[in-house]
Amino acid sequence: MLTSWVASHLAHRLESVPLQYGAYALLVVAQALIFASMILLAMATQPGVIEGPATLTSPGLFCCRT
């Protein structure tokens, strides 16, 4: 939540559009690191907890595109 607030604050205060995109890129990287660490923690504590649902979800990502 703090990373989102900081990135939003920077994006609204910066005048330059490239710097606004830079703030947004920092938000994306920070959230990716948070999400990846949660996935790794889940995989370490409960083996198979990610692979099962991912196997069921993956075909839906590719078959229903319009």
Protein backbone atom coordinates (compact mmCIF):
# COMPACT_ATOMS: atom_id res chain seq x y z
CA MET A 1 0.00 0.00 0.00
CA LEU A 2 2.88 2.32 0.76
CA THR A 3 4.49 1.68 -2.63
CA SER A 4 1.22 2.48 -4.37
CA TRP A 5 0.83 5.71 -2.43
CA VAL A 6 4.41 6.81 -3.15
CA ALA A 7 4.13 6.07 -6.88
CA SER A 8 0.74 7.79 -7.14
CA HIS A 9 2.06 10.79 -5.22
CA LEU A 10 5.09 11.05 -7.50
CA ALA A 11 3.03 10.64 -10.66
CA HIS A 12 0.67 13.44 -9.66
CA ARG A 13 3.39 15.85 -8.56
CA LEU A 14 5.75 15.39 -11.50
CA GLU A 15 5.28 17.69 -14.48
CA SER A 16 7.22 15.61 -16.99
CA VAL A 17 5.32 12.77 -18.67
CA PRO A 18 8.45 10.55 -18.94
CA LEU A 19 9.03 10.96 -15.21
CA GLN A 20 5.39 10.03 -14.56
CA TYR A 21 5.93 6.86 -16.58
CA GLY A 22 9.09 6.24 -14.56
CA ALA A 23 7.11 6.47 -11.33
CA TYR A 24 4.59 4.05 -12.77
CA ALA A 25 7.39 1.67 -13.79
CA LEU A 26 8.73 1.75 -10.22
CA LEU A 27 5.26 0.82 -8.96
CA VAL A 28 5.05 -2.11 -11.37
CA VAL A 29 8.48 -3.39 -10.33
CA ALA A 30 7.72 -3.01 -6.62
CA GLN A 31 4.41 -4.84 -6.94
CA ALA A 32 6.04 -7.59 -9.00
CA LEU A 33 8.63 -8.12 -6.26
CA ILE A 34 5.92 -8.25 -3.60
CA PHE A 35 3.82 -10.69 -5.62
CA ALA A 36 6.80 -12.90 -6.52
CA SER A 37 7.85 -13.15 -2.88
CA MET A 38 4.32 -14.19 -1.90
CA ILE A 39 4.30 -16.86 -4.62
CA LEU A 40 7.70 -18.17 -3.48
CA LEU A 41 6.54 -18.27 0.13
CA ALA A 42 3.39 -20.17 -0.84
CA MET A 43 5.41 -22.66 -2.89
CA ALA A 44 7.90 -23.18 -0.06
CA THR A 45 5.30 -23.77 2.63
CA GLN A 46 2.71 -25.75 0.62
CA PRO A 47 4.21 -27.69 -2.30
CA GLY A 48 1.77 -27.97 -5.19
CA VAL A 49 -0.44 -25.10 -4.08
CA ILE A 50 0.46 -23.05 -7.18
CA GLU A 51 0.91 -25.77 -9.80
CA GLY A 52 -2.59 -27.25 -9.45
CA PRO A 53 -4.61 -24.08 -10.01
CA ALA A 54 -2.14 -22.84 -12.63
CA THR A 55 -2.67 -26.02 -14.64
CA LEU A 56 -6.42 -25.44 -14.64
CA THR A 57 -6.20 -21.71 -15.36
CA SER A 58 -3.58 -21.65 -18.12
CA PRO A 59 -5.72 -23.12 -20.95
CA GLY A 60 -8.38 -20.47 -20.33
CA LEU A 61 -5.85 -17.72 -20.94
CA PHE A 62 -5.22 -18.89 -24.48
CA CYS A 63 -8.46 -20.42 -25.74
CA CYS A 64 -10.91 -17.58 -25.09
CA ARG A 65 -9.12 -14.66 -26.71
CA THR A 66 -11.16 -12.60 -29.15
